[in-house]
C-alpha atoms as a PDB file:
ATOM      1  CA  MET A   1     -13.874 -47.169 -59.423  1.00  0.00           C
ATOM      2  CA  ALA A   2     -12.097 -44.320 -61.115  1.00  0.00           C
ATOM      3  CA  ILE A   3      -8.803 -43.256 -59.639  1.00  0.00           C
ATOM      4  CA  PRO A   4      -9.456 -40.299 -57.300  1.00  0.00           C
ATOM      5  CA  ASP A   5      -8.154 -36.911 -58.376  1.00  0.00           C
ATOM      6  CA  PHE A   6      -6.036 -34.524 -56.315  1.00  0.00           C
ATOM      7  CA  GLN A   7      -9.033 -32.694 -54.829  1.00  0.00           C
ATOM      8  CA  ALA A   8     -10.690 -35.915 -53.660  1.00  0.00           C
ATOM      9  CA  LEU A   9      -7.480 -37.160 -52.020  1.00  0.00           C
ATOM     10  CA  MET A  10      -6.599 -33.976 -50.150  1.00  0.00           C
ATOM     11  CA  LEU A  11      -8.993 -34.176 -47.159  1.00  0.00           C
ATOM     12  CA  PRO A  12      -8.305 -37.863 -46.376  1.00  0.00           C
ATOM     13  CA  LEU A  13      -4.561 -37.184 -46.698  1.00  0.00           C
ATOM     14  CA  LEU A  14      -4.777 -34.221 -44.326  1.00  0.00           C
ATOM     15  CA  ARG A  15      -6.724 -36.342 -41.840  1.00  0.00           C
ATOM     16  CA  LEU A  16      -4.018 -39.004 -42.015  1.00  0.00           C
ATOM     17  CA  CYS A  17      -1.293 -36.413 -41.464  1.00  0.00           C
ATOM     18  CA  SER A  18      -3.099 -34.818 -38.530  1.00  0.00           C
ATOM     19  CA  ASP A  19      -2.967 -37.889 -36.294  1.00  0.00           C
ATOM     20  CA  GLY A  20       0.355 -36.861 -34.797  1.00  0.00           C
ATOM     21  CA  HIS A  21       2.317 -39.800 -36.206  1.00  0.00           C
ATOM     22  CA  THR A  22       4.915 -39.973 -38.946  1.00  0.00           C
ATOM     23  CA  HIS A  23       3.735 -41.848 -42.043  1.00  0.00           C
ATOM     24  CA  SER A  24       5.889 -43.055 -44.914  1.00  0.00           C
ATOM     25  CA  LEU A  25       4.837 -42.391 -48.488  1.00  0.00           C
ATOM     26  CA  ALA A  26       4.147 -46.104 -49.002  1.00  0.00           C
ATOM     27  CA  GLU A  27       1.945 -46.229 -45.896  1.00  0.00           C
ATOM     28  CA  SER A  28       0.054 -43.122 -47.007  1.00  0.00           C
ATOM     29  CA  VAL A  29      -0.534 -44.547 -50.485  1.00  0.00           C
ATOM     30  CA  GLU A  30      -1.742 -47.822 -48.986  1.00  0.00           C
ATOM     31  CA  THR A  31      -4.094 -46.089 -46.549  1.00  0.00           C
ATOM     32  CA  LEU A  32      -5.596 -43.805 -49.190  1.00  0.00           C
ATOM     33  CA  GLY A  33      -5.874 -46.646 -51.694  1.00  0.00           C
ATOM     34  CA  ASN A  34      -7.792 -48.695 -49.172  1.00  0.00           C
ATOM     35  CA  GLU A  35     -10.072 -45.782 -48.275  1.00  0.00           C
ATOM     36  CA  PHE A  36     -10.986 -45.244 -51.937  1.00  0.00           C
ATOM     37  CA  ASN A  37     -11.147 -48.972 -52.777  1.00  0.00           C
ATOM     38  CA  VAL A  38      -8.484 -48.619 -55.478  1.00  0.00           C
ATOM     39  CA  SER A  39      -7.628 -52.033 -56.921  1.00  0.00           C
ATOM     40  CA  PRO A  40      -4.040 -53.306 -57.027  1.00  0.00           C
ATOM     41  CA  GLU A  41      -4.092 -52.947 -60.825  1.00  0.00           C
ATOM     42  CA  GLU A  42      -5.204 -49.314 -60.590  1.00  0.00           C
ATOM     43  CA  ARG A  43      -2.446 -48.600 -58.055  1.00  0.00           C
ATOM     44  CA  GLN A  44       0.138 -49.536 -60.677  1.00  0.00           C
ATOM     45  CA  ILE A  45      -1.063 -46.900 -63.175  1.00  0.00           C
ATOM     46  CA  LEU A  46       1.250 -43.911 -63.440  1.00  0.00           C
ATOM     47  CA  LEU A  47       0.661 -40.459 -64.868  1.00  0.00           C
ATOM     48  CA  LYS A  48       2.372 -39.715 -68.175  1.00  0.00           C
ATOM     49  CA  SER A  49       4.799 -37.557 -66.216  1.00  0.00           C
ATOM     50  CA  GLY A  50       5.739 -40.593 -64.113  1.00  0.00           C
END
């Protein structure tokens, strides 16, 4: 699967944030990665800007 873009990630991220709990960045990345079936190799890819 292609890595989701900003627009595709926004609604699932907002849903995660709306549950009333505090989520760390790592937890949010893990949750969104799982939702979009992003492989561990794809999760290691960084933008050119870092």
